């Protein structure tokens, strides 16, 4: 008897599969586009990272998952992109407004400072910037002191001034990062990295301008509206910062960058800009009251913070084409 192979099982195909549910193609599960060396495999029941967000009818943005500290590499790119983005004919009116606004405020700087401080005395606000150390760790880089410290305000005006402190913005960025990781929310994670990116790029330019212009702070002024020491020596600046670092404001520049990044990424929350600008107004007044800044230091600093924030947001998300 000859051996024969067992017959293959028949493959049954339903003659009419119209009753079967069609696959849902409207939801796209996007794998992290930039996850570094870590490859995440989804398990049953695990929630994927959210990537696409509809913020208005017909307006959807896609956010990739940011890489670990890769945003630091974006800072040189943003600095290079700034001139090409803003030095255009269309922006001439904005530059004229900044220049004229700064000039008008400069003419009235002394009167604005005195009026602000009189108003502070009327309200019972102390004009001293009084803070208490939470911790202080002395650190030196060569001959330069760069201590790691955190101070908290000890009076109301100092609390207003603290709104522009680096710790405030670090806390905000860290909160977005923590939420993004816990909730697997790429928009929140990108907002955190965009904040870091915008704040640092703004800070680089602000510091370069401070070290170039060398304007005295009001409480150090030796003449009306303060002296300008163009290109002060590095050692002189480091040893006597307040004598050279008034122009432009870094606190309001950083605050504007923070408000702009958050508002651009969460446009559906309409309260962000009014609240943010209101707090910036309080911060601006506090710096006049304690004599840290002149009013004419503000327009350029605010413009820089806004400009670098817009660049960081533009590079950190992609507009999803509307279906046709």
Protein backbone atom coordinates (compact mmCIF):
# COMPACT_ATOMS: atom_id res chain seq x y z
CA UNK A 1 0.00 0.00 0.00
CA UNK A 2 1.42 3.36 -0.97
CA UNK A 3 1.57 6.05 1.67
CA UNK A 4 -0.29 9.24 0.85
CA UNK A 5 -0.07 12.67 2.50
CA UNK A 6 -2.88 13.74 4.78
CA UNK A 7 -5.23 16.17 3.04
CA UNK A 8 -4.78 19.88 3.91
CA UNK A 9 -7.58 21.45 5.91
CA UNK A 10 -9.88 23.55 3.84
CA UNK A 11 -9.73 27.35 4.21
CA UNK A 12 -13.23 28.64 4.54
CA UNK A 13 -13.84 32.19 3.29
CA UNK A 14 -17.22 33.71 4.09
CA UNK A 15 -19.14 34.35 0.92
CA UNK A 16 -20.56 37.55 2.37
CA UNK A 17 -18.41 39.44 4.85
CA UNK A 18 -20.37 42.68 4.65
CA UNK A 19 -21.73 42.04 8.09
CA UNK A 20 -18.23 42.29 9.58
CA UNK A 21 -17.24 45.64 11.09
CA UNK A 22 -14.85 47.62 8.96
CA UNK A 23 -11.55 48.56 10.60
CA UNK A 24 -11.54 51.99 12.17
CA UNK A 25 -8.97 54.03 10.28
CA UNK A 26 -9.89 57.33 11.85
CA UNK A 27 -7.61 56.85 14.84
CA UNK A 28 -3.91 56.68 14.21
CA UNK A 29 -1.62 55.29 16.87
CA UNK A 30 1.70 56.97 16.18
CA UNK A 31 4.86 55.47 17.59
CA UNK A 32 7.22 57.93 19.26
CA UNK A 33 9.22 59.55 16.49
CA UNK A 34 12.13 60.49 18.70
CA UNK A 35 12.54 58.16 21.65
CA UNK A 36 16.31 57.85 21.70
CA UNK A 37 17.65 54.40 22.48
CA UNK A 38 14.56 53.29 24.37
CA UNK A 39 12.08 51.26 22.34
CA UNK A 40 8.70 50.94 23.95
CA UNK A 41 6.48 47.99 23.03
CA UNK A 42 2.84 48.40 23.85
CA UNK A 43 1.27 45.60 25.84
CA UNK A 44 -2.41 44.79 25.96
CA UNK A 45 -4.14 47.38 28.11
CA UNK A 46 -1.29 49.89 27.91
CA UNK A 47 -2.18 53.37 26.71
CA UNK A 48 -0.13 54.66 23.74
CA UNK A 49 1.49 58.08 23.76
CA UNK A 50 -0.89 60.70 22.47
CA UNK A 51 0.49 62.62 19.48
CA UNK A 52 -2.31 64.56 17.73
CA UNK A 53 -4.38 67.35 19.26
CA UNK A 54 -7.29 69.23 17.73
CA UNK A 55 -7.28 72.72 19.23
CA UNK A 56 -9.97 74.30 17.04
CA UNK A 57 -12.30 73.16 14.25
CA UNK A 58 -10.04 72.08 11.40
CA UNK A 59 -6.84 72.82 13.35
CA UNK A 60 -4.85 69.79 14.52
CA UNK A 61 -1.21 69.67 15.56
CA UNK A 62 1.09 66.65 15.70
CA UNK A 63 3.69 66.44 18.47
CA UNK A 64 6.59 63.99 18.43
CA UNK A 65 7.89 62.68 21.70
CA UNK A 66 10.97 64.78 22.58
CA UNK A 67 14.31 63.06 23.01
CA UNK A 68 16.23 63.20 26.26
CA UNK A 69 17.85 66.67 26.44
CA UNK A 70 18.00 66.72 22.64
CA UNK A 71 16.27 70.08 22.78
CA UNK A 72 19.54 71.60 23.99
CA UNK A 73 20.93 70.97 20.52
CA UNK A 74 18.14 73.14 19.10
CA UNK A 75 19.43 76.31 20.77
CA UNK A 76 22.10 77.10 18.11
CA UNK A 77 19.50 76.41 15.41
CA UNK A 78 17.03 78.85 16.99
CA UNK A 79 19.69 81.55 17.29
CA UNK A 80 20.53 81.15 13.61
CA UNK A 81 16.87 81.17 12.58
CA UNK A 82 16.02 84.35 14.50
CA UNK A 83 17.37 86.91 11.98
CA UNK A 84 15.83 85.15 8.99
CA UNK A 85 12.50 84.86 10.78
CA UNK A 86 12.11 88.44 11.97
CA UNK A 87 14.42 90.73 9.98
CA UNK A 88 11.90 91.14 7.17
CA UNK A 89 10.11 94.09 5.63
CA UNK A 90 6.80 92.91 7.07
CA UNK A 91 8.20 93.34 10.58
CA UNK A 92 9.44 96.91 10.12
CA UNK A 93 6.37 98.37 11.90
CA UNK A 94 7.06 96.15 14.92
CA UNK A 95 10.72 97.23 15.08
CA UNK A 96 9.68 100.88 14.78
CA UNK A 97 7.16 100.42 17.60
CA UNK A 98 9.80 98.83 19.84
CA UNK A 99 12.28 101.63 19.11
CA UNK A 100 9.77 104.46 19.58
CA UNK A 101 8.32 102.87 22.71
CA UNK A 102 11.77 102.44 24.22
CA UNK A 103 12.71 106.04 23.36
CA UNK A 104 9.52 107.44 24.87
CA UNK A 105 9.99 105.45 28.06
CA UNK A 106 13.67 106.42 28.21
CA UNK A 107 12.72 110.09 28.17
CA UNK A 108 10.46 109.53 31.18
CA UNK A 109 12.49 106.88 33.01
CA UNK A 110 13.27 108.95 36.10
CA UNK A 111 9.70 110.16 36.50
CA UNK A 112 8.35 106.62 36.06
CA UNK A 113 10.70 105.22 38.70
CA UNK A 114 9.85 107.93 41.24
CA UNK A 115 6.12 107.65 40.58
CA UNK A 116 6.18 103.86 40.89
CA UNK A 117 8.03 104.01 44.19
CA UNK A 118 5.71 106.68 45.60
CA UNK A 119 2.76 104.50 44.66
CA UNK A 120 4.44 101.57 46.41
CA UNK A 121 4.83 103.60 49.62
CA UNK A 122 1.16 104.55 49.35
CA UNK A 123 0.25 100.85 49.17
CA UNK A 124 2.62 99.98 51.99
CA UNK A 125 4.96 97.96 49.75
CA UNK A 126 8.59 97.71 50.74
CA UNK A 127 10.96 98.56 47.89
CA UNK A 128 13.70 96.29 49.21
CA UNK A 129 14.26 92.98 47.43
CA UNK A 130 14.28 90.83 50.55
CA UNK A 131 14.76 87.07 50.26
CA UNK A 132 15.57 84.13 52.49
CA UNK A 133 17.84 81.27 51.44
CA UNK A 134 16.23 77.84 51.24
CA UNK A 135 19.61 76.38 50.33
CA UNK A 136 22.98 77.61 49.08
CA UNK A 137 25.69 75.44 47.52
CA UNK A 138 28.90 77.32 46.62
CA UNK A 139 30.12 76.38 43.15
CA UNK A 140 32.98 77.90 41.16
CA UNK A 141 33.91 77.58 37.50
CA UNK A 142 37.48 78.79 37.48
CA UNK A 143 37.40 82.26 38.96
CA UNK A 144 33.66 82.69 38.41
CA UNK A 145 31.18 82.09 41.22
CA UNK A 146 28.10 80.19 40.04
CA UNK A 147 26.46 79.08 43.30
CA UNK A 148 23.48 76.76 43.28
CA UNK A 149 20.95 78.47 45.48
CA UNK A 150 17.26 78.96 45.96
CA UNK A 151 15.82 81.96 47.70
CA UNK A 152 12.22 82.68 48.58
CA UNK A 153 10.71 86.16 48.95
CA UNK A 154 10.42 87.71 52.38
CA UNK A 155 7.99 90.53 51.53
CA UNK A 156 5.13 91.23 49.11
CA UNK A 157 7.13 93.18 46.52
CA UNK A 158 9.79 90.47 46.51
CA UNK A 159 7.03 87.91 45.90
CA UNK A 160 5.97 89.91 42.84
CA UNK A 161 9.60 90.04 41.70
CA UNK A 162 9.92 86.28 42.22
CA UNK A 163 7.45 85.76 39.36
CA UNK A 164 10.38 86.32 37.01
CA UNK A 165 12.84 84.15 38.92
CA UNK A 166 14.43 81.19 37.17
CA UNK A 167 13.05 78.81 39.79
CA UNK A 168 9.51 79.87 38.89
CA UNK A 169 9.96 79.00 35.23
CA UNK A 170 11.87 75.82 36.04
CA UNK A 171 8.95 74.69 38.20
CA UNK A 172 6.47 75.40 35.40
CA UNK A 173 8.51 73.51 32.82
CA UNK A 174 9.09 70.59 35.19
CA UNK A 175 5.35 70.37 35.88
CA UNK A 176 4.58 70.04 32.17
CA UNK A 177 7.31 67.43 31.79
CA UNK A 178 6.03 65.37 34.72
CA UNK A 179 2.46 65.52 33.43
CA UNK A 180 3.60 64.52 29.96
CA UNK A 181 5.47 61.47 31.22
CA UNK A 182 2.74 60.33 33.60
CA UNK A 183 -0.12 60.84 31.14
CA UNK A 184 1.89 59.89 28.01
CA UNK A 185 1.03 63.29 26.60
CA UNK A 186 3.42 64.48 23.90
CA UNK A 187 2.01 68.00 23.85
CA UNK A 188 2.82 68.52 27.52
CA UNK A 189 6.29 67.00 27.11
CA UNK A 190 6.99 69.19 24.09
CA UNK A 191 5.75 72.24 25.95
CA UNK A 192 8.30 71.53 28.68
CA UNK A 193 11.20 71.21 26.24
CA UNK A 194 10.05 74.24 24.25
CA UNK A 195 10.04 76.25 27.48
CA UNK A 196 13.62 75.26 28.19
CA UNK A 197 14.61 75.98 24.61
CA UNK A 198 12.93 79.41 24.45
CA UNK A 199 14.15 80.52 27.88
CA UNK A 200 17.77 79.58 27.21
CA UNK A 201 17.93 81.11 23.73
CA UNK A 202 16.34 84.28 25.06
CA UNK A 203 18.82 84.30 27.93
CA UNK A 204 21.82 83.97 25.62
CA UNK A 205 20.82 87.06 23.63
CA UNK A 206 19.76 89.06 26.69
CA UNK A 207 23.07 88.36 28.42
CA UNK A 208 25.01 89.35 25.30
CA UNK A 209 23.13 92.66 25.17
CA UNK A 210 23.57 93.32 28.89
CA UNK A 211 27.31 92.75 28.61
CA UNK A 212 27.44 95.02 25.56
CA UNK A 213 25.37 97.97 26.78
CA UNK A 214 26.36 98.00 30.47
CA UNK A 215 23.50 100.15 31.74
CA UNK A 216 23.27 100.95 35.44
CA UNK A 217 20.26 99.72 37.39
CA UNK A 218 18.17 102.54 38.90
CA UNK A 219 19.26 101.84 42.47
CA UNK A 220 22.90 102.12 41.34
CA UNK A 221 22.45 105.11 39.04
CA UNK A 222 25.04 107.88 39.33
CA UNK A 223 23.20 110.16 36.89
CA UNK A 224 19.70 110.61 35.50
CA UNK A 225 18.48 107.45 33.72
CA UNK A 226 21.71 105.69 34.63
CA UNK A 227 25.10 105.57 32.92
CA UNK A 228 25.88 103.27 30.02
CA UNK A 229 29.27 101.52 30.09
CA UNK A 230 29.54 99.96 26.64
CA UNK A 231 31.48 96.68 26.59
CA UNK A 232 32.47 96.65 30.28
CA UNK A 233 35.36 94.40 31.22
CA UNK A 234 34.36 90.84 32.05
CA UNK A 235 35.81 90.98 35.55
CA UNK A 236 34.17 94.34 36.29
CA UNK A 237 30.81 93.00 35.19
CA UNK A 238 31.10 89.81 37.25
CA UNK A 239 32.14 91.67 40.38
CA UNK A 240 29.54 94.44 40.10
CA UNK A 241 26.65 93.05 38.07
CA UNK A 242 23.94 95.55 39.02
CA UNK A 243 26.11 98.40 37.77
CA UNK A 244 25.95 97.03 34.22
CA UNK A 245 23.03 94.68 33.65
CA UNK A 246 19.83 96.76 33.44
CA UNK A 247 19.27 96.69 29.67
CA UNK A 248 17.34 94.76 28.51
CA UNK A 249 15.23 93.04 31.14
CA UNK A 250 15.81 89.32 31.46
CA UNK A 251 12.96 88.71 33.90
CA UNK A 252 10.24 89.99 31.58
CA UNK A 253 11.91 88.38 28.57
CA UNK A 254 11.78 85.00 30.29
CA UNK A 255 8.23 85.56 31.50
CA UNK A 256 7.08 86.48 27.99
CA UNK A 257 8.74 83.37 26.57
CA UNK A 258 6.96 81.21 29.15
CA UNK A 259 3.52 82.72 28.56
CA UNK A 260 3.89 82.54 24.78
CA UNK A 261 4.99 78.90 24.65
CA UNK A 262 2.12 77.76 26.88
CA UNK A 263 -0.50 79.90 25.11
CA UNK A 264 0.62 78.76 21.64
CA UNK A 265 0.46 75.09 22.58
CA UNK A 266 -2.85 75.36 24.45
CA UNK A 267 -4.82 77.92 22.40
CA UNK A 268 -8.12 76.39 23.46
CA UNK A 269 -7.49 77.73 26.99
CA UNK A 270 -8.25 81.40 26.43
CA UNK A 271 -7.36 82.52 29.95
CA UNK A 272 -3.63 81.82 29.57
CA UNK A 273 -2.64 85.08 27.90
CA UNK A 274 -4.74 87.43 30.09
CA UNK A 275 -3.52 85.77 33.28
CA UNK A 276 0.06 85.59 32.03
CA UNK A 277 0.16 89.19 30.88
CA UNK A 278 -1.43 90.31 34.13
CA UNK A 279 1.29 88.58 36.14
CA UNK A 280 3.90 90.12 33.85
CA UNK A 281 2.44 93.53 34.66
CA UNK A 282 2.80 92.82 38.38
CA UNK A 283 6.39 91.69 37.80
CA UNK A 284 7.16 94.78 35.74
CA UNK A 285 5.85 97.06 38.47
CA UNK A 286 7.82 95.21 41.17
CA UNK A 287 11.08 95.79 39.29
CA UNK A 288 10.35 99.51 39.06
CA UNK A 289 9.45 99.65 42.74
CA UNK A 290 12.64 97.94 43.87
CA UNK A 291 14.81 99.90 41.42
CA UNK A 292 16.13 96.91 39.50
CA UNK A 293 14.99 98.09 36.06
CA UNK A 294 14.02 101.17 34.12
CA UNK A 295 10.78 101.09 32.14
CA UNK A 296 12.75 101.53 28.91
CA UNK A 297 14.46 98.18 29.57
CA UNK A 298 11.16 96.41 28.95
CA UNK A 299 10.12 96.62 25.26
CA UNK A 300 13.18 94.91 23.77
CA UNK A 301 13.28 92.20 26.44
CA UNK A 302 9.60 91.38 25.95
CA UNK A 303 10.04 91.26 22.16
CA UNK A 304 12.99 88.87 22.44
CA UNK A 305 11.09 86.49 24.70
CA UNK A 306 8.12 86.48 22.34
CA UNK A 307 10.26 85.96 19.25
CA UNK A 308 12.26 83.01 20.54
CA UNK A 309 9.15 81.39 21.99
CA UNK A 310 7.45 81.48 18.60
CA UNK A 311 10.48 79.83 16.98
CA UNK A 312 10.59 77.07 19.61
CA UNK A 313 6.89 76.33 19.16
CA UNK A 314 7.12 76.35 15.37
CA UNK A 315 9.93 73.80 15.44
CA UNK A 316 8.25 71.64 18.08
CA UNK A 317 5.02 70.72 16.34
CA UNK A 318 3.54 70.07 12.89
CA UNK A 319 0.20 71.21 11.52
CA UNK A 320 -1.82 68.20 10.36
CA UNK A 321 -3.43 68.83 6.95
CA UNK A 322 -7.21 68.98 7.13
CA UNK A 323 -8.93 66.07 5.36
CA UNK A 324 -10.23 66.93 1.91
